[in-house]
Amino acid sequence: HYERHIQNSNPQSIIELEPASEMKQGATADDRSGGRAEPTVRLQKDEDENGRVPATSSAPAASAALKSFPLGLVLQACPEIAAYGPQGSVGTWRELMAAAVVVRSMLGVSPSAYEQACEIMGPENAATVMACVLERAGHINSAGGYLRDLTRRAEKGEFAIGPMLMALARSNSPMRAKTG
């Protein structure tokens, strides 16, 4: 059992641990936050014991139904997002969410569209979707419209990140790169 330890020099933040084997596929983010954060402006500082940020409570049914995936899988499926993280890398959910905000702006997704995605899907899943959108940016006409559509579908329980993430993981796998 190996854990990667990243310590932030900012005394206001907590020490971040990203467990490698404790995060199971399909685990849901905790829904303990009572307040509503402004995900496009600042990141929530209240992470649970797995380093995950609790989903906001405005749409508990939708965010509870939408499963989050291990960070390692997200980064394997969407390697391009890492370049937009702090210091050009992503090693924690917080860094992925920071990178997603940069990508959101770069792709022309409005702050309100991304904020709504965070409210409906939860901040981890919204960041994961932004990473997926970045990966497929050449095939998407309007990243903002696409995100709004996925958010509407998630709110109705008609969208799951898994199939999108798995398709990208397969297309970005090292085996495919060698054989294709």
C-alpha atoms as a PDB file:
ATOM      1  CA  HIS A   1       0.000   0.000   0.000  1.00  0.00           C
ATOM      2  CA  TYR A   2       1.663   3.193  -1.190  1.00  0.00           C
ATOM      3  CA  GLU A   3       0.485   6.731  -0.623  1.00  0.00           C
ATOM      4  CA  ARG A   4       1.706   9.861  -2.305  1.00  0.00           C
ATOM      5  CA  HIS A   5       2.142  12.760   0.084  1.00  0.00           C
ATOM      6  CA  ILE A   6       1.971  16.322  -1.160  1.00  0.00           C
ATOM      7  CA  GLN A   7       2.363  19.096   1.331  1.00  0.00           C
ATOM      8  CA  ASN A   8       1.285  22.601   0.437  1.00  0.00           C
ATOM      9  CA  SER A   9       3.349  25.452   1.854  1.00  0.00           C
ATOM     10  CA  ASN A  10       0.168  27.474   2.333  1.00  0.00           C
ATOM     11  CA  PRO A  11      -0.567  27.317   6.086  1.00  0.00           C
ATOM     12  CA  GLN A  12      -4.295  27.887   5.430  1.00  0.00           C
ATOM     13  CA  SER A  13      -4.705  24.638   3.515  1.00  0.00           C
ATOM     14  CA  ILE A  14      -4.686  21.085   4.796  1.00  0.00           C
ATOM     15  CA  ILE A  15      -2.079  18.441   4.034  1.00  0.00           C
ATOM     16  CA  GLU A  16      -3.226  16.540   0.984  1.00  0.00           C
ATOM     17  CA  LEU A  17      -3.015  12.794   0.683  1.00  0.00           C
ATOM     18  CA  GLU A  18      -4.041  10.955  -2.452  1.00  0.00           C
ATOM     19  CA  PRO A  19      -4.492   7.278  -1.545  1.00  0.00           C
ATOM     20  CA  ALA A  20      -3.616   4.952  -4.390  1.00  0.00           C
ATOM     21  CA  SER A  21      -5.620   1.859  -3.511  1.00  0.00           C
ATOM     22  CA  GLU A  22      -8.317   3.026  -1.113  1.00  0.00           C
ATOM     23  CA  MET A  23     -10.319   4.924  -3.721  1.00  0.00           C
ATOM     24  CA  LYS A  24     -12.583   2.393  -5.346  1.00  0.00           C
ATOM     25  CA  GLN A  25     -14.256   2.793  -8.723  1.00  0.00           C
ATOM     26  CA  GLY A  26     -17.823   3.928  -8.252  1.00  0.00           C
ATOM     27  CA  ALA A  27     -17.306   5.448  -4.805  1.00  0.00           C
ATOM     28  CA  THR A  28     -19.406   8.540  -4.327  1.00  0.00           C
ATOM     29  CA  ALA A  29     -18.229  11.863  -3.002  1.00  0.00           C
ATOM     30  CA  ASP A  30     -19.417  12.699   0.478  1.00  0.00           C
ATOM     31  CA  ASP A  31     -22.330  15.115   0.647  1.00  0.00           C
ATOM     32  CA  ARG A  32     -21.548  16.826   3.944  1.00  0.00           C
ATOM     33  CA  SER A  33     -21.193  20.462   2.946  1.00  0.00           C
ATOM     34  CA  GLY A  34     -24.099  22.594   3.974  1.00  0.00           C
ATOM     35  CA  GLY A  35     -22.920  25.777   2.272  1.00  0.00           C
ATOM     36  CA  ARG A  36     -22.493  26.464  -1.390  1.00  0.00           C
ATOM     37  CA  ALA A  37     -19.022  27.290  -2.677  1.00  0.00           C
ATOM     38  CA  GLU A  38     -18.206  29.368  -5.735  1.00  0.00           C
ATOM     39  CA  PRO A  39     -16.332  26.684  -7.702  1.00  0.00           C
ATOM     40  CA  THR A  40     -15.216  29.005 -10.488  1.00  0.00           C
ATOM     41  CA  VAL A  41     -13.592  31.460  -8.092  1.00  0.00           C
ATOM     42  CA  ARG A  42     -12.205  29.433  -5.211  1.00  0.00           C
ATOM     43  CA  LEU A  43     -11.897  25.781  -4.306  1.00  0.00           C
ATOM     44  CA  GLN A  44     -13.543  24.293  -1.265  1.00  0.00           C
ATOM     45  CA  LYS A  45     -11.077  23.537   1.534  1.00  0.00           C
ATOM     46  CA  ASP A  46     -13.133  20.901   3.344  1.00  0.00           C
ATOM     47  CA  GLU A  47     -11.952  17.604   1.878  1.00  0.00           C
ATOM     48  CA  ASP A  48     -12.908  14.292   3.387  1.00  0.00           C
ATOM     49  CA  GLU A  49     -10.479  11.576   4.467  1.00  0.00           C
ATOM     50  CA  ASN A  50      -9.937  10.459   0.849  1.00  0.00           C
ATOM     51  CA  GLY A  51      -8.971  13.944  -0.328  1.00  0.00           C
ATOM     52  CA  ARG A  52     -12.306  14.397  -2.066  1.00  0.00           C
ATOM     53  CA  VAL A  53     -14.355  17.557  -1.897  1.00  0.00           C
ATOM     54  CA  PRO A  54     -17.962  16.982  -0.803  1.00  0.00           C
ATOM     55  CA  ALA A  55     -20.621  17.693  -3.403  1.00  0.00           C
ATOM     56  CA  THR A  56     -22.865  20.680  -2.832  1.00  0.00           C
ATOM     57  CA  SER A  57     -26.325  19.907  -1.517  1.00  0.00           C
ATOM     58  CA  SER A  58     -28.476  21.674  -4.138  1.00  0.00           C
ATOM     59  CA  ALA A  59     -29.077  18.447  -6.101  1.00  0.00           C
ATOM     60  CA  PRO A  60     -28.410  15.549  -3.748  1.00  0.00           C
ATOM     61  CA  ALA A  61     -30.277  12.981  -5.846  1.00  0.00           C
ATOM     62  CA  ALA A  62     -28.354  13.771  -9.030  1.00  0.00           C
ATOM     63  CA  SER A  63     -24.913  13.941  -7.405  1.00  0.00           C
ATOM     64  CA  ALA A  64     -25.558  10.786  -5.382  1.00  0.00           C
ATOM     65  CA  ALA A  65     -26.503   8.938  -8.580  1.00  0.00           C
ATOM     66  CA  LEU A  66     -23.452  10.229 -10.457  1.00  0.00           C
ATOM     67  CA  LYS A  67     -20.468   8.116  -9.444  1.00  0.00           C
ATOM     68  CA  SER A  68     -16.976   9.566  -9.156  1.00  0.00           C
ATOM     69  CA  PHE A  69     -13.956   7.620 -10.304  1.00  0.00           C
ATOM     70  CA  PRO A  70     -10.381   7.285  -9.035  1.00  0.00           C
ATOM     71  CA  LEU A  71      -8.177  10.239  -9.906  1.00  0.00           C
ATOM     72  CA  GLY A  72      -5.634   7.904 -11.531  1.00  0.00           C
ATOM     73  CA  LEU A  73      -8.268   6.651 -13.983  1.00  0.00           C
ATOM     74  CA  VAL A  74      -9.326  10.216 -14.819  1.00  0.00           C
ATOM     75  CA  LEU A  75      -5.699  11.178 -15.521  1.00  0.00           C
ATOM     76  CA  GLN A  76      -5.127   8.034 -17.607  1.00  0.00           C
ATOM     77  CA  ALA A  77      -8.238   8.744 -19.678  1.00  0.00           C
ATOM     78  CA  CYS A  78      -7.588  12.498 -19.918  1.00  0.00           C
ATOM     79  CA  PRO A  79      -3.823  13.103 -19.884  1.00  0.00           C
ATOM     80  CA  GLU A  80      -4.070  16.566 -21.496  1.00  0.00           C
ATOM     81  CA  ILE A  81      -5.606  18.107 -18.338  1.00  0.00           C
ATOM     82  CA  ALA A  82      -2.348  17.644 -16.402  1.00  0.00           C
ATOM     83  CA  ALA A  83      -0.632  20.461 -18.319  1.00  0.00           C
ATOM     84  CA  TYR A  84      -3.196  22.923 -16.936  1.00  0.00           C
ATOM     85  CA  GLY A  85      -2.693  22.026 -13.275  1.00  0.00           C
ATOM     86  CA  PRO A  86      -0.649  24.085 -10.827  1.00  0.00           C
ATOM     87  CA  GLN A  87       3.026  23.829 -11.826  1.00  0.00           C
ATOM     88  CA  GLY A  88       1.961  21.894 -14.933  1.00  0.00           C
ATOM     89  CA  SER A  89       0.831  18.729 -13.189  1.00  0.00           C
ATOM     90  CA  VAL A  90      -2.167  17.200 -11.423  1.00  0.00           C
ATOM     91  CA  GLY A  91      -1.712  14.926  -8.420  1.00  0.00           C
ATOM     92  CA  THR A  92      -4.780  15.643  -6.284  1.00  0.00           C
ATOM     93  CA  TRP A  93      -8.472  16.328  -6.815  1.00  0.00           C
ATOM     94  CA  ARG A  94      -7.884  19.931  -5.784  1.00  0.00           C
ATOM     95  CA  GLU A  95      -5.297  20.325  -8.552  1.00  0.00           C
ATOM     96  CA  LEU A  96      -7.658  18.678 -11.058  1.00  0.00           C
ATOM     97  CA  MET A  97     -10.402  21.121 -10.105  1.00  0.00           C
ATOM     98  CA  ALA A  98      -8.000  24.053 -10.481  1.00  0.00           C
ATOM     99  CA  ALA A  99      -6.966  22.751 -13.907  1.00  0.00           C
ATOM    100  CA  ALA A 100     -10.632  22.357 -14.893  1.00  0.00           C
ATOM    101  CA  VAL A 101     -11.263  26.041 -14.141  1.00  0.00           C
ATOM    102  CA  VAL A 102      -8.349  27.013 -16.427  1.00  0.00           C
ATOM    103  CA  VAL A 103      -9.626  24.678 -19.159  1.00  0.00           C
ATOM    104  CA  ARG A 104     -13.163  25.990 -18.727  1.00  0.00           C
ATOM    105  CA  SER A 105     -11.967  29.486 -19.472  1.00  0.00           C
ATOM    106  CA  MET A 106      -9.754  28.366 -22.345  1.00  0.00           C
ATOM    107  CA  LEU A 107     -12.587  26.449 -24.036  1.00  0.00           C
ATOM    108  CA  GLY A 108     -14.996  29.373 -23.653  1.00  0.00           C
ATOM    109  CA  VAL A 109     -17.328  27.682 -21.172  1.00  0.00           C
ATOM    110  CA  SER A 110     -19.150  30.318 -19.152  1.00  0.00           C
ATOM    111  CA  PRO A 111     -18.611  30.481 -15.397  1.00  0.00           C
ATOM    112  CA  SER A 112     -22.348  29.924 -14.881  1.00  0.00           C
ATOM    113  CA  ALA A 113     -22.349  26.722 -16.985  1.00  0.00           C
ATOM    114  CA  TYR A 114     -19.431  25.308 -15.004  1.00  0.00           C
ATOM    115  CA  GLU A 115     -20.901  26.408 -11.673  1.00  0.00           C
ATOM    116  CA  GLN A 116     -24.171  24.691 -12.540  1.00  0.00           C
ATOM    117  CA  ALA A 117     -22.270  21.522 -13.483  1.00  0.00           C
ATOM    118  CA  CYS A 118     -20.508  21.633 -10.094  1.00  0.00           C
ATOM    119  CA  GLU A 119     -23.839  22.027  -8.310  1.00  0.00           C
ATOM    120  CA  ILE A 120     -25.534  19.177 -10.174  1.00  0.00           C
ATOM    121  CA  MET A 121     -22.664  16.721 -10.638  1.00  0.00           C
ATOM    122  CA  GLY A 122     -20.434  17.700  -7.725  1.00  0.00           C
ATOM    123  CA  PRO A 123     -17.070  19.445  -8.104  1.00  0.00           C
ATOM    124  CA  GLU A 124     -15.029  16.266  -8.741  1.00  0.00           C
ATOM    125  CA  ASN A 125     -17.346  15.040 -11.469  1.00  0.00           C
ATOM    126  CA  ALA A 126     -17.622  18.471 -13.101  1.00  0.00           C
ATOM    127  CA  ALA A 127     -13.817  18.651 -13.208  1.00  0.00           C
ATOM    128  CA  THR A 128     -13.718  15.128 -14.662  1.00  0.00           C
ATOM    129  CA  VAL A 129     -16.208  16.118 -17.359  1.00  0.00           C
ATOM    130  CA  MET A 130     -14.130  19.215 -18.194  1.00  0.00           C
ATOM    131  CA  ALA A 131     -11.064  16.968 -18.552  1.00  0.00           C
ATOM    132  CA  CYS A 132     -13.057  14.738 -20.924  1.00  0.00           C
ATOM    133  CA  VAL A 133     -14.266  17.763 -22.898  1.00  0.00           C
ATOM    134  CA  LEU A 134     -10.666  18.968 -23.235  1.00  0.00           C
ATOM    135  CA  GLU A 135      -9.628  15.537 -24.520  1.00  0.00           C
ATOM    136  CA  ARG A 136     -12.360  15.679 -27.205  1.00  0.00           C
ATOM    137  CA  ALA A 137     -12.243  19.450 -27.831  1.00  0.00           C
ATOM    138  CA  GLY A 138     -11.490  18.985 -31.537  1.00  0.00           C
ATOM    139  CA  HIS A 139     -14.762  17.079 -31.962  1.00  0.00           C
ATOM    140  CA  ILE A 140     -17.022  19.391 -29.920  1.00  0.00           C
ATOM    141  CA  ASN A 141     -18.470  22.501 -31.568  1.00  0.00           C
ATOM    142  CA  SER A 142     -19.535  24.278 -28.378  1.00  0.00           C
ATOM    143  CA  ALA A 143     -17.910  23.127 -25.157  1.00  0.00           C
ATOM    144  CA  GLY A 144     -20.274  25.293 -23.101  1.00  0.00           C
ATOM    145  CA  GLY A 145     -23.387  23.969 -24.838  1.00  0.00           C
ATOM    146  CA  TYR A 146     -22.112  20.420 -24.482  1.00  0.00           C
ATOM    147  CA  LEU A 147     -21.441  20.888 -20.760  1.00  0.00           C
ATOM    148  CA  ARG A 148     -24.907  22.408 -20.245  1.00  0.00           C
ATOM    149  CA  ASP A 149     -26.488  19.463 -22.081  1.00  0.00           C
ATOM    150  CA  LEU A 150     -24.563  16.934 -19.965  1.00  0.00           C
ATOM    151  CA  THR A 151     -25.534  18.855 -16.825  1.00  0.00           C
ATOM    152  CA  ARG A 152     -29.240  18.754 -17.800  1.00  0.00           C
ATOM    153  CA  ARG A 153     -28.968  15.035 -18.504  1.00  0.00           C
ATOM    154  CA  ALA A 154     -27.186  14.442 -15.171  1.00  0.00           C
ATOM    155  CA  GLU A 155     -29.924  16.325 -13.342  1.00  0.00           C
ATOM    156  CA  LYS A 156     -32.509  13.971 -14.889  1.00  0.00           C
ATOM    157  CA  GLY A 157     -30.366  10.926 -14.066  1.00  0.00           C
ATOM    158  CA  GLU A 158     -29.728  10.259 -17.774  1.00  0.00           C
ATOM    159  CA  PHE A 159     -25.941  10.774 -17.785  1.00  0.00           C
ATOM    160  CA  ALA A 160     -23.131   8.666 -16.372  1.00  0.00           C
ATOM    161  CA  ILE A 161     -19.470   9.674 -16.588  1.00  0.00           C
ATOM    162  CA  GLY A 162     -18.274   6.063 -16.658  1.00  0.00           C
ATOM    163  CA  PRO A 163     -18.872   5.243 -20.332  1.00  0.00           C
ATOM    164  CA  MET A 164     -17.311   8.519 -21.495  1.00  0.00           C
ATOM    165  CA  LEU A 165     -14.310   8.048 -19.201  1.00  0.00           C
ATOM    166  CA  MET A 166     -13.818   4.393 -20.165  1.00  0.00           C
ATOM    167  CA  ALA A 167     -13.958   5.186 -23.896  1.00  0.00           C
ATOM    168  CA  LEU A 168     -11.254   7.822 -23.429  1.00  0.00           C
ATOM    169  CA  ALA A 169      -9.198   5.481 -21.229  1.00  0.00           C
ATOM    170  CA  ARG A 170      -9.323   2.816 -23.959  1.00  0.00           C
ATOM    171  CA  SER A 171      -8.382   5.287 -26.683  1.00  0.00           C
ATOM    172  CA  ASN A 172      -5.477   6.662 -24.591  1.00  0.00           C
ATOM    173  CA  SER A 173      -4.189   3.316 -23.319  1.00  0.00           C
ATOM    174  CA  PRO A 174      -0.504   2.511 -23.967  1.00  0.00           C
ATOM    175  CA  MET A 175      -1.477  -0.794 -25.633  1.00  0.00           C
ATOM    176  CA  ARG A 176      -3.639   0.989 -28.199  1.00  0.00           C
ATOM    177  CA  ALA A 177      -0.863   3.479 -28.941  1.00  0.00           C
ATOM    178  CA  LYS A 178       1.530   0.575 -29.691  1.00  0.00           C
ATOM    179  CA  THR A 179      -0.904  -1.428 -31.825  1.00  0.00           C
ATOM    180  CA  GLY A 180      -2.764   1.414 -33.548  1.00  0.00           C
END
